[in-house]
Amino acid sequence: MPHGTLEVFLVSAKGLDNTDFLSGIDPYAILTCRTQEKKSSVVSGGSCPEWNETFLFTISGDVTELTIKIMDKDTFTEDDLVGEATVPLGPVFDEESVPPMSYNVVKDQEYCGEIKIGLKFTHERSRDGPFYAHAAEEEIGGWKESSMD
């Protein structure tokens, strides 16, 4: 099971379906990784928003995917769901970095645009590993003393 920090770089989206009849959509993204949820800023008036925002998630336990919901911010009514993308996290856990790439945004099993994100995963070092054993040795007494017989 991976333990560490997942960094999600929310780049942009394109081709999003317009859920507003009289004006352009004002999209924002809700990123969910298990029970953690982050929200992007709202980009006014466009089906091709650019966010260029970074979000951090603490990963511990059995996490397999990141869900990104694209919402349309409405002033007087409830925000509309534009669509959602599911991003598998296995590749970033293995490779530690996945360059920005596009994922399909779907709603009711129909394609309604793309979202572009990059991923980076930083493993948490185990306190039982050799790195920490060596560090603890240095913290206690600095360099080991050696005797010359």
C-alpha atoms as a PDB file:
ATOM      1  CA  MET A   1       0.000   0.000   0.000  1.00  0.00           C
ATOM      2  CA  PRO A   2       1.417   3.409  -0.961  1.00  0.00           C
ATOM      3  CA  HIS A   3       2.027   6.030   1.715  1.00  0.00           C
ATOM      4  CA  GLY A   4       3.040   9.567   0.866  1.00  0.00           C
ATOM      5  CA  THR A   5       1.924  12.762  -0.835  1.00  0.00           C
ATOM      6  CA  LEU A   6       0.072  12.980  -4.134  1.00  0.00           C
ATOM      7  CA  GLU A   7       0.508  16.253  -5.990  1.00  0.00           C
ATOM      8  CA  VAL A   8      -2.132  16.965  -8.628  1.00  0.00           C
ATOM      9  CA  PHE A   9      -1.448  19.715 -11.150  1.00  0.00           C
ATOM     10  CA  LEU A  10      -4.794  20.782 -12.616  1.00  0.00           C
ATOM     11  CA  VAL A  11      -3.852  22.311 -15.965  1.00  0.00           C
ATOM     12  CA  SER A  12      -6.937  22.900 -18.104  1.00  0.00           C
ATOM     13  CA  ALA A  13     -10.036  21.473 -19.769  1.00  0.00           C
ATOM     14  CA  LYS A  14     -11.374  21.693 -23.284  1.00  0.00           C
ATOM     15  CA  GLY A  15     -14.537  20.949 -25.185  1.00  0.00           C
ATOM     16  CA  LEU A  16     -16.736  21.061 -22.095  1.00  0.00           C
ATOM     17  CA  ASP A  17     -20.476  20.939 -22.732  1.00  0.00           C
ATOM     18  CA  ASN A  18     -22.189  24.232 -22.020  1.00  0.00           C
ATOM     19  CA  THR A  19     -24.832  23.710 -19.353  1.00  0.00           C
ATOM     20  CA  ASP A  20     -25.973  27.359 -19.446  1.00  0.00           C
ATOM     21  CA  PHE A  21     -28.421  28.384 -22.153  1.00  0.00           C
ATOM     22  CA  LEU A  22     -27.951  32.153 -22.038  1.00  0.00           C
ATOM     23  CA  SER A  23     -24.243  32.506 -21.272  1.00  0.00           C
ATOM     24  CA  GLY A  24     -20.973  30.597 -21.156  1.00  0.00           C
ATOM     25  CA  ILE A  25     -20.206  28.212 -18.338  1.00  0.00           C
ATOM     26  CA  ASP A  26     -18.136  29.187 -15.304  1.00  0.00           C
ATOM     27  CA  PRO A  27     -16.324  25.914 -14.587  1.00  0.00           C
ATOM     28  CA  TYR A  28     -14.506  24.760 -11.501  1.00  0.00           C
ATOM     29  CA  ALA A  29     -13.218  21.358 -10.466  1.00  0.00           C
ATOM     30  CA  ILE A  30     -13.768  19.281  -7.349  1.00  0.00           C
ATOM     31  CA  LEU A  31     -10.938  16.777  -6.854  1.00  0.00           C
ATOM     32  CA  THR A  32     -11.653  13.818  -4.577  1.00  0.00           C
ATOM     33  CA  CYS A  33      -9.173  11.245  -3.360  1.00  0.00           C
ATOM     34  CA  ARG A  34     -10.915   8.834  -1.022  1.00  0.00           C
ATOM     35  CA  THR A  35     -12.288  11.137   1.726  1.00  0.00           C
ATOM     36  CA  GLN A  36     -10.194  14.211   0.907  1.00  0.00           C
ATOM     37  CA  GLU A  37     -11.766  16.872  -1.288  1.00  0.00           C
ATOM     38  CA  LYS A  38     -10.223  19.986  -2.879  1.00  0.00           C
ATOM     39  CA  LYS A  39     -11.879  22.686  -4.970  1.00  0.00           C
ATOM     40  CA  SER A  40     -10.314  24.770  -7.743  1.00  0.00           C
ATOM     41  CA  SER A  41     -11.001  28.394  -8.499  1.00  0.00           C
ATOM     42  CA  VAL A  42     -13.896  29.307 -10.819  1.00  0.00           C
ATOM     43  CA  VAL A  43     -12.945  30.329 -14.365  1.00  0.00           C
ATOM     44  CA  SER A  44     -15.467  32.737 -15.868  1.00  0.00           C
ATOM     45  CA  GLY A  45     -17.151  32.231 -19.198  1.00  0.00           C
ATOM     46  CA  GLY A  46     -15.590  29.425 -21.137  1.00  0.00           C
ATOM     47  CA  SER A  47     -15.682  25.800 -22.168  1.00  0.00           C
ATOM     48  CA  CYS A  48     -11.835  25.746 -22.305  1.00  0.00           C
ATOM     49  CA  PRO A  49     -10.761  26.883 -18.814  1.00  0.00           C
ATOM     50  CA  GLU A  50      -7.130  27.088 -17.680  1.00  0.00           C
ATOM     51  CA  TRP A  51      -6.493  26.672 -13.961  1.00  0.00           C
ATOM     52  CA  ASN A  52      -2.787  25.853 -13.527  1.00  0.00           C
ATOM     53  CA  GLU A  53      -3.382  25.032  -9.856  1.00  0.00           C
ATOM     54  CA  THR A  54      -1.710  22.431  -7.646  1.00  0.00           C
ATOM     55  CA  PHE A  55      -3.430  20.342  -4.966  1.00  0.00           C
ATOM     56  CA  LEU A  56      -1.862  18.027  -2.369  1.00  0.00           C
ATOM     57  CA  PHE A  57      -3.415  14.851  -0.992  1.00  0.00           C
ATOM     58  CA  THR A  58      -2.090  12.636   1.795  1.00  0.00           C
ATOM     59  CA  ILE A  59      -2.114   9.032   0.642  1.00  0.00           C
ATOM     60  CA  SER A  60      -2.294   6.182   3.124  1.00  0.00           C
ATOM     61  CA  GLY A  61      -4.081   2.937   2.671  1.00  0.00           C
ATOM     62  CA  ASP A  62      -5.837   1.479  -0.294  1.00  0.00           C
ATOM     63  CA  VAL A  63      -6.340   4.367  -2.758  1.00  0.00           C
ATOM     64  CA  THR A  64      -6.726   3.443  -6.425  1.00  0.00           C
ATOM     65  CA  GLU A  65      -8.171   6.511  -8.158  1.00  0.00           C
ATOM     66  CA  LEU A  66      -8.709  10.243  -8.186  1.00  0.00           C
ATOM     67  CA  THR A  67     -12.124  11.595  -9.185  1.00  0.00           C
ATOM     68  CA  ILE A  68     -12.478  15.022 -10.739  1.00  0.00           C
ATOM     69  CA  LYS A  69     -15.926  16.563 -11.105  1.00  0.00           C
ATOM     70  CA  ILE A  70     -16.281  19.577 -13.372  1.00  0.00           C
ATOM     71  CA  MET A  71     -18.993  21.888 -12.128  1.00  0.00           C
ATOM     72  CA  ASP A  72     -20.598  25.020 -13.576  1.00  0.00           C
ATOM     73  CA  LYS A  73     -20.911  27.797 -10.995  1.00  0.00           C
ATOM     74  CA  ASP A  74     -24.388  29.338 -11.022  1.00  0.00           C
ATOM     75  CA  THR A  75     -25.374  32.457  -9.114  1.00  0.00           C
ATOM     76  CA  PHE A  76     -29.059  31.964  -8.408  1.00  0.00           C
ATOM     77  CA  THR A  77     -29.474  28.205  -8.776  1.00  0.00           C
ATOM     78  CA  GLU A  78     -27.613  25.079  -7.712  1.00  0.00           C
ATOM     79  CA  ASP A  79     -24.299  24.497  -9.520  1.00  0.00           C
ATOM     80  CA  ASP A  80     -24.575  22.111 -12.487  1.00  0.00           C
ATOM     81  CA  LEU A  81     -22.497  18.983 -13.014  1.00  0.00           C
ATOM     82  CA  VAL A  82     -20.736  19.272 -16.382  1.00  0.00           C
ATOM     83  CA  GLY A  83     -19.106  15.831 -16.118  1.00  0.00           C
ATOM     84  CA  GLU A  84     -16.508  13.815 -14.298  1.00  0.00           C
ATOM     85  CA  ALA A  85     -13.216  12.047 -14.932  1.00  0.00           C
ATOM     86  CA  THR A  86     -11.737   9.090 -13.079  1.00  0.00           C
ATOM     87  CA  VAL A  87      -7.947   8.930 -12.999  1.00  0.00           C
ATOM     88  CA  PRO A  88      -6.230   5.633 -12.068  1.00  0.00           C
ATOM     89  CA  LEU A  89      -3.382   6.217  -9.598  1.00  0.00           C
ATOM     90  CA  GLY A  90      -1.457   2.955 -10.090  1.00  0.00           C
ATOM     91  CA  PRO A  91       0.902   4.437 -12.727  1.00  0.00           C
ATOM     92  CA  VAL A  92       1.903   7.421 -10.561  1.00  0.00           C
ATOM     93  CA  PHE A  93       2.508   5.167  -7.541  1.00  0.00           C
ATOM     94  CA  ASP A  94       4.832   3.031  -9.695  1.00  0.00           C
ATOM     95  CA  GLU A  95       6.561   5.779 -11.692  1.00  0.00           C
ATOM     96  CA  GLU A  96       6.309   8.611  -9.104  1.00  0.00           C
ATOM     97  CA  SER A  97       5.515  11.096 -11.876  1.00  0.00           C
ATOM     98  CA  VAL A  98       3.031  11.233 -14.751  1.00  0.00           C
ATOM     99  CA  PRO A  99       3.370  14.237 -17.092  1.00  0.00           C
ATOM    100  CA  PRO A 100       0.255  16.300 -17.842  1.00  0.00           C
ATOM    101  CA  MET A 101      -2.137  14.305 -19.983  1.00  0.00           C
ATOM    102  CA  SER A 102      -5.809  14.460 -20.920  1.00  0.00           C
ATOM    103  CA  TYR A 103      -8.579  12.326 -19.456  1.00  0.00           C
ATOM    104  CA  ASN A 104     -12.126  12.047 -20.798  1.00  0.00           C
ATOM    105  CA  VAL A 105     -14.869  13.897 -18.941  1.00  0.00           C
ATOM    106  CA  VAL A 106     -18.136  11.966 -19.061  1.00  0.00           C
ATOM    107  CA  LYS A 107     -21.703  12.466 -17.881  1.00  0.00           C
ATOM    108  CA  ASP A 108     -24.325   9.734 -18.097  1.00  0.00           C
ATOM    109  CA  GLN A 109     -21.748   7.600 -19.954  1.00  0.00           C
ATOM    110  CA  GLU A 110     -21.406  10.218 -22.709  1.00  0.00           C
ATOM    111  CA  TYR A 111     -18.237  12.115 -23.621  1.00  0.00           C
ATOM    112  CA  CYS A 112     -18.483  15.814 -22.766  1.00  0.00           C
ATOM    113  CA  GLY A 113     -14.907  17.126 -22.911  1.00  0.00           C
ATOM    114  CA  GLU A 114     -11.393  16.550 -21.613  1.00  0.00           C
ATOM    115  CA  ILE A 115      -9.436  17.559 -18.546  1.00  0.00           C
ATOM    116  CA  LYS A 116      -5.650  17.794 -18.442  1.00  0.00           C
ATOM    117  CA  ILE A 117      -3.739  17.014 -15.246  1.00  0.00           C
ATOM    118  CA  GLY A 118      -0.236  16.042 -14.175  1.00  0.00           C
ATOM    119  CA  LEU A 119       0.551  13.804 -11.205  1.00  0.00           C
ATOM    120  CA  LYS A 120       3.509  13.413  -8.869  1.00  0.00           C
ATOM    121  CA  PHE A 121       3.799  11.031  -5.925  1.00  0.00           C
ATOM    122  CA  THR A 122       6.356  11.318  -3.141  1.00  0.00           C
ATOM    123  CA  HIS A 123       6.730   8.132  -1.097  1.00  0.00           C
ATOM    124  CA  GLU A 124       6.894   8.495   2.668  1.00  0.00           C
ATOM    125  CA  ARG A 125      10.013   6.785   3.877  1.00  0.00           C
ATOM    126  CA  SER A 126       9.438   4.016   6.371  1.00  0.00           C
ATOM    127  CA  ARG A 127      10.829   4.698   9.827  1.00  0.00           C
ATOM    128  CA  ASP A 128      11.927   1.072   9.908  1.00  0.00           C
ATOM    129  CA  GLY A 129      14.093   1.376   6.790  1.00  0.00           C
ATOM    130  CA  PRO A 130      17.900   1.612   6.653  1.00  0.00           C
ATOM    131  CA  PHE A 131      17.780   5.373   5.995  1.00  0.00           C
ATOM    132  CA  TYR A 132      16.225   6.077   9.376  1.00  0.00           C
ATOM    133  CA  ALA A 133      18.451   3.615  11.228  1.00  0.00           C
ATOM    134  CA  HIS A 134      21.497   5.477   9.924  1.00  0.00           C
ATOM    135  CA  ALA A 135      19.964   8.908  10.681  1.00  0.00           C
ATOM    136  CA  ALA A 136      19.118   7.878  14.246  1.00  0.00           C
ATOM    137  CA  GLU A 137      22.705   6.730  14.769  1.00  0.00           C
ATOM    138  CA  GLU A 138      24.020  10.154  13.745  1.00  0.00           C
ATOM    139  CA  GLU A 139      21.489  11.994  15.929  1.00  0.00           C
ATOM    140  CA  ILE A 140      22.589  10.134  19.064  1.00  0.00           C
ATOM    141  CA  GLY A 141      26.295  10.582  18.981  1.00  0.00           C
ATOM    142  CA  GLY A 142      27.389  11.921  15.651  1.00  0.00           C
ATOM    143  CA  TRP A 143      30.175   9.903  14.086  1.00  0.00           C
ATOM    144  CA  LYS A 144      30.787   6.500  15.528  1.00  0.00           C
ATOM    145  CA  GLU A 145      33.969   6.357  17.494  1.00  0.00           C
ATOM    146  CA  SER A 146      36.508   3.868  16.340  1.00  0.00           C
ATOM    147  CA  SER A 147      39.408   2.553  18.262  1.00  0.00           C
ATOM    148  CA  MET A 148      42.758   1.677  16.859  1.00  0.00           C
ATOM    149  CA  ASP A 149      44.223  -1.380  18.487  1.00  0.00           C
END
